[in-house]
PDB file of N, CA and C in Angstrom:
ATOM      1  N   MET A   1      92.954 133.937  81.466  1.00  0.00           N
ATOM      2  CA  MET A   1      92.919 132.731  81.686  1.00  0.00           C
ATOM      3  C   MET A   1      91.610 131.467  82.008  1.00  0.00           C
ATOM      4  N   ARG A   2      91.543 130.595  81.954  1.00  0.00           N
ATOM      5  CA  ARG A   2      90.454 129.403  82.173  1.00  0.00           C
ATOM      6  C   ARG A   2      90.981 128.377  83.520  1.00  0.00           C
ATOM      7  N   TYR A   3      89.905 127.388  84.049  1.00  0.00           N
ATOM      8  CA  TYR A   3      90.191 126.914  84.521  1.00  0.00           C
ATOM      9  C   TYR A   3      89.333 125.577  84.284  1.00  0.00           C
ATOM     10  N   SER A   4      89.524 124.011  84.770  1.00  0.00           N
ATOM     11  CA  SER A   4      88.781 123.082  84.696  1.00  0.00           C
ATOM     12  C   SER A   4      89.300 121.817  85.452  1.00  0.00           C
ATOM     13  N   PHE A   5      88.280 121.047  86.118  1.00  0.00           N
ATOM     14  CA  PHE A   5      88.406 120.223  86.740  1.00  0.00           C
ATOM     15  C   PHE A   5      88.863 118.601  86.388  1.00  0.00           C
ATOM     16  N   HIS A   6      89.559 118.160  86.741  1.00  0.00           N
ATOM     17  CA  HIS A   6      89.654 116.590  86.330  1.00  0.00           C
ATOM     18  C   HIS A   6      88.108 115.881  86.872  1.00  0.00           C
ATOM     19  N   PRO A   7      87.251 114.894  86.203  1.00  0.00           N
ATOM     20  CA  PRO A   7      86.116 114.726  86.574  1.00  0.00           C
ATOM     21  C   PRO A   7      86.284 114.117  88.369  1.00  0.00           C
ATOM     22  N   GLU A   8      87.504 113.053  88.594  1.00  0.00           N
ATOM     23  CA  GLU A   8      87.669 112.672  90.260  1.00  0.00           C
ATOM     24  C   GLU A   8      87.925 114.126  90.857  1.00  0.00           C
ATOM     25  N   ALA A   9      88.147 115.010  90.441  1.00  0.00           N
ATOM     26  CA  ALA A   9      88.829 116.343  91.540  1.00  0.00           C
ATOM     27  C   ALA A   9      87.365 117.129  91.488  1.00  0.00           C
ATOM     28  N   ALA A  10      86.402 117.205  90.576  1.00  0.00           N
ATOM     29  CA  ALA A  10      85.158 117.684  90.702  1.00  0.00           C
ATOM     30  C   ALA A  10      84.370 116.788  92.109  1.00  0.00           C
ATOM     31  N   ALA A  11      84.503 115.453  91.478  1.00  0.00           N
ATOM     32  CA  ALA A  11      83.925 114.606  92.210  1.00  0.00           C
ATOM     33  C   ALA A  11      84.017 114.976  93.853  1.00  0.00           C
ATOM     34  N   GLU A  12      85.245 114.903  94.396  1.00  0.00           N
ATOM     35  CA  GLU A  12      85.923 114.994  95.754  1.00  0.00           C
ATOM     36  C   GLU A  12      85.236 116.578  95.858  1.00  0.00           C
ATOM     37  N   PHE A  13      85.609 117.568  95.127  1.00  0.00           N
ATOM     38  CA  PHE A  13      85.123 118.792  95.568  1.00  0.00           C
ATOM     39  C   PHE A  13      83.466 118.990  95.784  1.00  0.00           C
ATOM     40  N   VAL A  14      83.035 118.579  95.400  1.00  0.00           N
ATOM     41  CA  VAL A  14      81.543 118.170  95.831  1.00  0.00           C
ATOM     42  C   VAL A  14      81.430 117.795  96.655  1.00  0.00           C
ATOM     43  N   GLN A  15      82.057 116.536  97.291  1.00  0.00           N
ATOM     44  CA  GLN A  15      81.948 115.581  98.358  1.00  0.00           C
ATOM     45  C   GLN A  15      82.381 116.328  99.517  1.00  0.00           C
ATOM     46  N   ALA A  16      82.918 117.033  99.352  1.00  0.00           N
ATOM     47  CA  ALA A  16      83.438 118.084 100.455  1.00  0.00           C
ATOM     48  C   ALA A  16      82.831 118.837 100.834  1.00  0.00           C
ATOM     49  N   ILE A  17      82.258 119.610  99.952  1.00  0.00           N
ATOM     50  CA  ILE A  17      81.220 121.171 100.027  1.00  0.00           C
ATOM     51  C   ILE A  17      80.200 119.961 100.868  1.00  0.00           C
ATOM     52  N   GLU A  18      79.593 118.837 100.458  1.00  0.00           N
ATOM     53  CA  GLU A  18      78.561 118.032 101.302  1.00  0.00           C
ATOM     54  C   GLU A  18      78.732 117.651 102.728  1.00  0.00           C
ATOM     55  N   TYR A  19      79.921 116.883 102.769  1.00  0.00           N
ATOM     56  CA  TYR A  19      80.799 116.835 104.164  1.00  0.00           C
ATOM     57  C   TYR A  19      81.037 118.229 105.186  1.00  0.00           C
ATOM     58  N   TYR A  20      80.813 119.582 104.759  1.00  0.00           N
ATOM     59  CA  TYR A  20      80.945 120.331 105.548  1.00  0.00           C
ATOM     60  C   TYR A  20      80.060 120.944 105.970  1.00  0.00           C
ATOM     61  N   GLU A  21      78.757 120.676 104.617  1.00  0.00           N
ATOM     62  CA  GLU A  21      77.482 121.383 105.124  1.00  0.00           C
ATOM     63  C   GLU A  21      76.770 120.722 106.038  1.00  0.00           C
ATOM     64  N   GLU A  22      77.229 119.141 105.933  1.00  0.00           N
ATOM     65  CA  GLU A  22      76.615 118.209 107.100  1.00  0.00           C
ATOM     66  C   GLU A  22      77.207 118.645 108.535  1.00  0.00           C
ATOM     67  N   CYS A  23      78.417 119.281 108.301  1.00  0.00           N
ATOM     68  CA  CYS A  23      78.562 119.438 110.070  1.00  0.00           C
ATOM     69  C   CYS A  23      78.080 120.801 110.187  1.00  0.00           C
ATOM     70  N   GLU A  24      77.638 121.713 109.491  1.00  0.00           N
ATOM     71  CA  GLU A  24      77.143 122.785 109.841  1.00  0.00           C
ATOM     72  C   GLU A  24      76.268 123.741 108.770  1.00  0.00           C
ATOM     73  N   ALA A  25      75.182 124.041 108.986  1.00  0.00           N
ATOM     74  CA  ALA A  25      74.855 124.607 108.175  1.00  0.00           C
ATOM     75  C   ALA A  25      75.682 125.905 107.354  1.00  0.00           C
ATOM     76  N   SER A  26      75.571 126.156 106.037  1.00  0.00           N
ATOM     77  CA  SER A  26      76.607 127.234 105.261  1.00  0.00           C
ATOM     78  C   SER A  26      77.970 126.916 105.253  1.00  0.00           C
ATOM     79  N   LEU A  27      78.447 126.027 106.050  1.00  0.00           N
ATOM     80  CA  LEU A  27      79.843 125.473 106.077  1.00  0.00           C
ATOM     81  C   LEU A  27      80.279 124.879 104.503  1.00  0.00           C
ATOM     82  N   GLY A  28      79.376 124.522 104.009  1.00  0.00           N
ATOM     83  CA  GLY A  28      79.559 123.876 102.668  1.00  0.00           C
ATOM     84  C   GLY A  28      80.163 124.993 101.886  1.00  0.00           C
ATOM     85  N   TYR A  29      79.132 126.091 101.841  1.00  0.00           N
ATOM     86  CA  TYR A  29      79.106 127.091 101.337  1.00  0.00           C
ATOM     87  C   TYR A  29      80.441 127.897 101.507  1.00  0.00           C
ATOM     88  N   ASP A  30      80.886 127.891 102.498  1.00  0.00           N
ATOM     89  CA  ASP A  30      82.043 128.834 103.179  1.00  0.00           C
ATOM     90  C   ASP A  30      83.443 127.791 102.520  1.00  0.00           C
ATOM     91  N   PHE A  31      83.146 126.740 102.158  1.00  0.00           N
ATOM     92  CA  PHE A  31      84.476 126.102 101.785  1.00  0.00           C
ATOM     93  C   PHE A  31      84.602 126.188 100.505  1.00  0.00           C
ATOM     94  N   ALA A  32      83.278 126.354  99.737  1.00  0.00           N
ATOM     95  CA  ALA A  32      83.513 126.420  98.431  1.00  0.00           C
ATOM     96  C   ALA A  32      83.914 127.849  97.935  1.00  0.00           C
ATOM     97  N   ILE A  33      83.226 128.687  98.285  1.00  0.00           N
ATOM     98  CA  ILE A  33      83.967 130.376  98.356  1.00  0.00           C
ATOM     99  C   ILE A  33      85.731 130.268  98.397  1.00  0.00           C
ATOM    100  N   GLU A  34      85.833 129.354  99.757  1.00  0.00           N
ATOM    101  CA  GLU A  34      87.412 129.565  99.893  1.00  0.00           C
ATOM    102  C   GLU A  34      88.190 128.622  98.684  1.00  0.00           C
ATOM    103  N   VAL A  35      87.701 127.660  98.094  1.00  0.00           N
ATOM    104  CA  VAL A  35      88.030 127.059  97.321  1.00  0.00           C
ATOM    105  C   VAL A  35      88.210 127.835  95.757  1.00  0.00           C
ATOM    106  N   TYR A  36      87.350 128.417  95.416  1.00  0.00           N
ATOM    107  CA  TYR A  36      86.984 129.454  94.464  1.00  0.00           C
ATOM    108  C   TYR A  36      88.005 130.430  94.173  1.00  0.00           C
ATOM    109  N   ALA A  37      88.501 130.829  95.614  1.00  0.00           N
ATOM    110  CA  ALA A  37      89.519 132.297  95.918  1.00  0.00           C
ATOM    111  C   ALA A  37      90.891 131.604  95.824  1.00  0.00           C
ATOM    112  N   ALA A  38      91.373 130.180  96.040  1.00  0.00           N
ATOM    113  CA  ALA A  38      92.350 129.804  96.250  1.00  0.00           C
ATOM    114  C   ALA A  38      92.517 129.585  94.828  1.00  0.00           C
ATOM    115  N   ILE A  39      91.655 128.963  93.565  1.00  0.00           N
ATOM    116  CA  ILE A  39      91.490 129.222  92.495  1.00  0.00           C
ATOM    117  C   ILE A  39      92.102 130.578  91.361  1.00  0.00           C
ATOM    118  N   GLU A  40      91.244 131.529  92.064  1.00  0.00           N
ATOM    119  CA  GLU A  40      91.425 132.896  91.261  1.00  0.00           C
ATOM    120  C   GLU A  40      92.965 133.175  91.704  1.00  0.00           C
ATOM    121  N   ARG A  41      93.614 132.872  93.135  1.00  0.00           N
ATOM    122  CA  ARG A  41      94.534 133.148  93.043  1.00  0.00           C
ATOM    123  C   ARG A  41      95.494 132.538  92.285  1.00  0.00           C
ATOM    124  N   THR A  42      95.591 131.188  92.479  1.00  0.00           N
ATOM    125  CA  THR A  42      95.768 130.328  91.184  1.00  0.00           C
ATOM    126  C   THR A  42      96.305 131.006  89.868  1.00  0.00           C
ATOM    127  N   MET A  43      95.175 131.224  89.293  1.00  0.00           N
ATOM    128  CA  MET A  43      94.943 131.740  87.837  1.00  0.00           C
ATOM    129  C   MET A  43      95.651 133.183  87.865  1.00  0.00           C
ATOM    130  N   ALA A  44      95.674 133.635  89.085  1.00  0.00           N
ATOM    131  CA  ALA A  44      96.147 135.425  88.754  1.00  0.00           C
ATOM    132  C   ALA A  44      97.705 135.184  88.536  1.00  0.00           C
ATOM    133  N   TYR A  45      98.411 134.092  89.575  1.00  0.00           N
ATOM    134  CA  TYR A  45      99.770 133.775  89.541  1.00  0.00           C
ATOM    135  C   TYR A  45     100.147 132.606  89.520  1.00  0.00           C
ATOM    136  N   PRO A  46      99.850 132.099  88.126  1.00  0.00           N
ATOM    137  CA  PRO A  46     100.257 130.250  88.187  1.00  0.00           C
ATOM    138  C   PRO A  46     101.498 129.928  88.711  1.00  0.00           C
ATOM    139  N   LYS A  47     102.379 130.708  88.398  1.00  0.00           N
ATOM    140  CA  LYS A  47     103.921 129.902  88.862  1.00  0.00           C
ATOM    141  C   LYS A  47     104.250 130.169  90.302  1.00  0.00           C
ATOM    142  N   ALA A  48     103.296 131.068  91.052  1.00  0.00           N
ATOM    143  CA  ALA A  48     103.479 131.257  92.572  1.00  0.00           C
ATOM    144  C   ALA A  48     103.672 130.176  93.376  1.00  0.00           C
ATOM    145  N   TRP A  49     103.183 129.172  93.464  1.00  0.00           N
ATOM    146  CA  TRP A  49     102.936 128.024  94.172  1.00  0.00           C
ATOM    147  C   TRP A  49     104.089 126.890  93.972  1.00  0.00           C
ATOM    148  N   PRO A  50     104.348 126.592  94.722  1.00  0.00           N
ATOM    149  CA  PRO A  50     105.570 125.507  94.707  1.00  0.00           C
ATOM    150  C   PRO A  50     105.081 124.178  93.969  1.00  0.00           C
ATOM    151  N   ILE A  51     106.056 123.486  93.298  1.00  0.00           N
ATOM    152  CA  ILE A  51     105.877 122.733  92.403  1.00  0.00           C
ATOM    153  C   ILE A  51     105.904 121.391  93.221  1.00  0.00           C
ATOM    154  N   ILE A  52     104.993 120.446  93.406  1.00  0.00           N
ATOM    155  CA  ILE A  52     105.378 119.189  94.337  1.00  0.00           C
ATOM    156  C   ILE A  52     105.864 117.990  93.661  1.00  0.00           C
ATOM    157  N   GLU A  53     105.300 117.506  92.374  1.00  0.00           N
ATOM    158  CA  GLU A  53     105.827 116.807  91.579  1.00  0.00           C
ATOM    159  C   GLU A  53     105.977 117.195  90.095  1.00  0.00           C
ATOM    160  N   GLU A  54     106.994 116.837  89.163  1.00  0.00           N
ATOM    161  CA  GLU A  54     106.594 117.089  87.703  1.00  0.00           C
ATOM    162  C   GLU A  54     106.035 118.356  87.521  1.00  0.00           C
ATOM    163  N   ASP A  55     105.387 118.655  86.707  1.00  0.00           N
ATOM    164  CA  ASP A  55     104.572 120.224  86.511  1.00  0.00           C
ATOM    165  C   ASP A  55     103.415 120.077  87.584  1.00  0.00           C
ATOM    166  N   ILE A  56     103.388 119.478  88.131  1.00  0.00           N
ATOM    167  CA  ILE A  56     101.673 119.705  89.400  1.00  0.00           C
ATOM    168  C   ILE A  56     102.160 120.625  90.623  1.00  0.00           C
ATOM    169  N   ARG A  57     101.423 121.876  90.602  1.00  0.00           N
ATOM    170  CA  ARG A  57     101.637 122.437  91.540  1.00  0.00           C
ATOM    171  C   ARG A  57     100.281 122.202  92.729  1.00  0.00           C
ATOM    172  N   ARG A  58     100.841 123.065  93.732  1.00  0.00           N
ATOM    173  CA  ARG A  58      99.791 123.393  95.077  1.00  0.00           C
ATOM    174  C   ARG A  58      99.374 124.412  95.614  1.00  0.00           C
ATOM    175  N   SER A  59      98.335 124.814  95.603  1.00  0.00           N
ATOM    176  CA  SER A  59      97.986 125.854  95.966  1.00  0.00           C
ATOM    177  C   SER A  59      97.364 125.621  97.507  1.00  0.00           C
ATOM    178  N   LEU A  60      96.920 126.532  98.492  1.00  0.00           N
ATOM    179  CA  LEU A  60      96.493 126.397  99.491  1.00  0.00           C
ATOM    180  C   LEU A  60      94.919 127.253  99.786  1.00  0.00           C
ATOM    181  N   THR A  61      94.179 126.593 100.489  1.00  0.00           N
ATOM    182  CA  THR A  61      93.307 127.585 100.772  1.00  0.00           C
ATOM    183  C   THR A  61      93.506 128.133 101.942  1.00  0.00           C
ATOM    184  N   ARG A  62      92.780 128.995 102.359  1.00  0.00           N
ATOM    185  CA  ARG A  62      92.988 129.942 103.647  1.00  0.00           C
ATOM    186  C   ARG A  62      92.165 129.389 104.831  1.00  0.00           C
ATOM    187  N   ARG A  63      91.155 128.736 104.813  1.00  0.00           N
ATOM    188  CA  ARG A  63      90.910 128.550 106.079  1.00  0.00           C
ATOM    189  C   ARG A  63      90.431 127.207 106.316  1.00  0.00           C
ATOM    190  N   PHE A  64      90.457 126.210 105.359  1.00  0.00           N
ATOM    191  CA  PHE A  64      90.461 125.177 105.539  1.00  0.00           C
ATOM    192  C   PHE A  64      91.574 124.034 105.186  1.00  0.00           C
ATOM    193  N   PRO A  65      92.049 123.027 105.378  1.00  0.00           N
ATOM    194  CA  PRO A  65      92.972 122.384 105.137  1.00  0.00           C
ATOM    195  C   PRO A  65      92.920 121.587 103.694  1.00  0.00           C
ATOM    196  N   PHE A  66      92.699 122.374 102.979  1.00  0.00           N
ATOM    197  CA  PHE A  66      92.789 121.540 101.552  1.00  0.00           C
ATOM    198  C   PHE A  66      93.744 122.539 100.415  1.00  0.00           C
ATOM    199  N   GLY A  67      94.571 121.418  99.660  1.00  0.00           N
ATOM    200  CA  GLY A  67      94.994 122.210  98.688  1.00  0.00           C
ATOM    201  C   GLY A  67      94.453 121.738  97.500  1.00  0.00           C
ATOM    202  N   ILE A  68      94.757 122.683  96.314  1.00  0.00           N
ATOM    203  CA  ILE A  68      94.196 122.727  95.230  1.00  0.00           C
ATOM    204  C   ILE A  68      95.501 122.153  94.253  1.00  0.00           C
ATOM    205  N   LEU A  69      95.573 121.057  93.711  1.00  0.00           N
ATOM    206  CA  LEU A  69      96.159 120.499  92.984  1.00  0.00           C
ATOM    207  C   LEU A  69      96.289 120.782  91.431  1.00  0.00           C
ATOM    208  N   TYR A  70      97.293 121.281  90.657  1.00  0.00           N
ATOM    209  CA  TYR A  70      96.999 121.909  89.549  1.00  0.00           C
ATOM    210  C   TYR A  70      98.097 121.734  88.336  1.00  0.00           C
ATOM    211  N   ALA A  71      97.813 121.543  87.152  1.00  0.00           N
ATOM    212  CA  ALA A  71      99.079 122.142  86.236  1.00  0.00           C
ATOM    213  C   ALA A  71      98.532 122.788  85.489  1.00  0.00           C
ATOM    214  N   GLU A  72      99.524 123.751  84.690  1.00  0.00           N
ATOM    215  CA  GLU A  72      99.143 125.062  84.199  1.00  0.00           C
ATOM    216  C   GLU A  72      99.486 124.590  82.287  1.00  0.00           C
ATOM    217  N   GLU A  73      98.577 124.550  81.628  1.00  0.00           N
ATOM    218  CA  GLU A  73      98.434 124.396  80.375  1.00  0.00           C
ATOM    219  C   GLU A  73      98.061 124.911  79.227  1.00  0.00           C
ATOM    220  N   ASP A  74      98.966 125.809  78.931  1.00  0.00           N
ATOM    221  CA  ASP A  74      98.701 126.919  77.742  1.00  0.00           C
ATOM    222  C   ASP A  74      97.766 127.839  78.363  1.00  0.00           C
ATOM    223  N   GLU A  75      96.534 128.137  78.150  1.00  0.00           N
ATOM    224  CA  GLU A  75      96.179 129.307  78.932  1.00  0.00           C
ATOM    225  C   GLU A  75      94.790 128.711  80.011  1.00  0.00           C
ATOM    226  N   GLU A  76      95.203 127.709  80.408  1.00  0.00           N
ATOM    227  CA  GLU A  76      94.350 126.774  81.361  1.00  0.00           C
ATOM    228  C   GLU A  76      95.139 126.529  82.556  1.00  0.00           C
ATOM    229  N   ILE A  77      94.109 126.381  83.570  1.00  0.00           N
ATOM    230  CA  ILE A  77      94.622 125.515  84.909  1.00  0.00           C
ATOM    231  C   ILE A  77      93.848 124.366  84.962  1.00  0.00           C
ATOM    232  N   PHE A  78      94.724 123.259  84.804  1.00  0.00           N
ATOM    233  CA  PHE A  78      93.849 122.343  85.079  1.00  0.00           C
ATOM    234  C   PHE A  78      93.763 121.656  86.079  1.00  0.00           C
ATOM    235  N   ILE A  79      92.991 121.419  87.060  1.00  0.00           N
ATOM    236  CA  ILE A  79      92.944 121.109  88.504  1.00  0.00           C
ATOM    237  C   ILE A  79      92.540 119.889  88.674  1.00  0.00           C
ATOM    238  N   VAL A  80      93.754 118.736  88.986  1.00  0.00           N
ATOM    239  CA  VAL A  80      93.670 117.365  89.333  1.00  0.00           C
ATOM    240  C   VAL A  80      93.394 117.083  90.634  1.00  0.00           C
ATOM    241  N   ALA A  81      93.212 117.989  91.479  1.00  0.00           N
ATOM    242  CA  ALA A  81      92.980 117.712  93.056  1.00  0.00           C
ATOM    243  C   ALA A  81      92.631 118.435  93.851  1.00  0.00           C
ATOM    244  N   VAL A  82      91.502 118.332  94.608  1.00  0.00           N
ATOM    245  CA  VAL A  82      91.074 119.104  95.561  1.00  0.00           C
ATOM    246  C   VAL A  82      91.009 118.355  96.973  1.00  0.00           C
ATOM    247  N   MET A  83      92.294 118.279  97.314  1.00  0.00           N
ATOM    248  CA  MET A  83      92.919 117.694  98.414  1.00  0.00           C
ATOM    249  C   MET A  83      92.916 118.053  99.629  1.00  0.00           C
ATOM    250  N   HIS A  84      92.519 117.032 100.834  1.00  0.00           N
ATOM    251  CA  HIS A  84      92.666 117.254 101.935  1.00  0.00           C
ATOM    252  C   HIS A  84      94.077 117.012 102.756  1.00  0.00           C
ATOM    253  N   LEU A  85      94.439 117.823 103.271  1.00  0.00           N
ATOM    254  CA  LEU A  85      96.048 118.076 103.396  1.00  0.00           C
ATOM    255  C   LEU A  85      96.169 116.959 104.227  1.00  0.00           C
ATOM    256  N   HIS A  86      95.116 116.036 105.007  1.00  0.00           N
ATOM    257  CA  HIS A  86      95.835 115.120 106.169  1.00  0.00           C
ATOM    258  C   HIS A  86      95.624 113.656 105.788  1.00  0.00           C
ATOM    259  N   ARG A  87      95.362 113.578 104.553  1.00  0.00           N
ATOM    260  CA  ARG A  87      94.740 112.155 103.984  1.00  0.00           C
ATOM    261  C   ARG A  87      96.228 112.099 103.287  1.00  0.00           C
ATOM    262  N   ASP A  88      96.047 110.931 102.708  1.00  0.00           N
ATOM    263  CA  ASP A  88      97.353 109.929 101.455  1.00  0.00           C
ATOM    264  C   ASP A  88      97.741 111.054 100.473  1.00  0.00           C
ATOM    265  N   PRO A  89      99.627 111.662 100.639  1.00  0.00           N
ATOM    266  CA  PRO A  89      99.778 112.515  99.935  1.00  0.00           C
ATOM    267  C   PRO A  89      99.624 112.283  97.861  1.00  0.00           C
ATOM    268  N   ASP A  90      99.391 110.874  97.977  1.00  0.00           N
ATOM    269  CA  ASP A  90      99.467 110.186  96.698  1.00  0.00           C
ATOM    270  C   ASP A  90      98.347 109.955  95.852  1.00  0.00           C
ATOM    271  N   TYR A  91      97.442 109.907  96.227  1.00  0.00           N
ATOM    272  CA  TYR A  91      96.148 109.660  95.661  1.00  0.00           C
ATOM    273  C   TYR A  91      96.049 110.001  94.345  1.00  0.00           C
ATOM    274  N   TRP A  92      96.030 110.887  94.269  1.00  0.00           N
ATOM    275  CA  TRP A  92      96.196 111.914  92.787  1.00  0.00           C
ATOM    276  C   TRP A  92      96.753 111.667  91.841  1.00  0.00           C
ATOM    277  N   LYS A  93      97.639 111.054  91.972  1.00  0.00           N
ATOM    278  CA  LYS A  93      99.011 110.997  90.768  1.00  0.00           C
ATOM    279  C   LYS A  93      98.358 109.948  89.799  1.00  0.00           C
ATOM    280  N   HIS A  94      97.603 109.164  89.586  1.00  0.00           N
ATOM    281  CA  HIS A  94      96.902 108.415  88.525  1.00  0.00           C
ATOM    282  C   HIS A  94      96.342 109.717  87.533  1.00  0.00           C
ATOM    283  N   ARG A  95      95.876 110.672  88.219  1.00  0.00           N
ATOM    284  CA  ARG A  95      95.275 111.611  87.149  1.00  0.00           C
ATOM    285  C   ARG A  95      95.854 112.754  86.596  1.00  0.00           C
ATOM    286  N   ALA A  96      97.556 112.525  86.773  1.00  0.00           N
ATOM    287  CA  ALA A  96      98.378 113.293  86.103  1.00  0.00           C
ATOM    288  C   ALA A  96      98.656 112.887  84.952  1.00  0.00           C
ATOM    289  N   LYS A  97      98.607 111.588  84.821  1.00  0.00           N
ATOM    290  CA  LYS A  97      99.025 111.304  83.377  1.00  0.00           C
ATOM    291  C   LYS A  97      98.531 111.546  82.194  1.00  0.00           C
TER     292      LYS A  97
END
């Protein structure tokens, strides 16, 4: 199985890495590692995470308050958002159409 990012999800992932790196040296790196670990868990068990709307599921990172919103498409995980869990929960919905 493989994965891909919606362009806006990729941009918000990079922005979050940059934010954490500004907070503390190497924290952005730690964040990226945690997101990739969540993606790996998602690819290993794509149906293990709860459905939050239609065919969109959300897996969680362990150390940071972020969720990976994704759809399972054939042999691919399509990531629609790398979402901070304390922000507007509906901002990503236009990406899933």
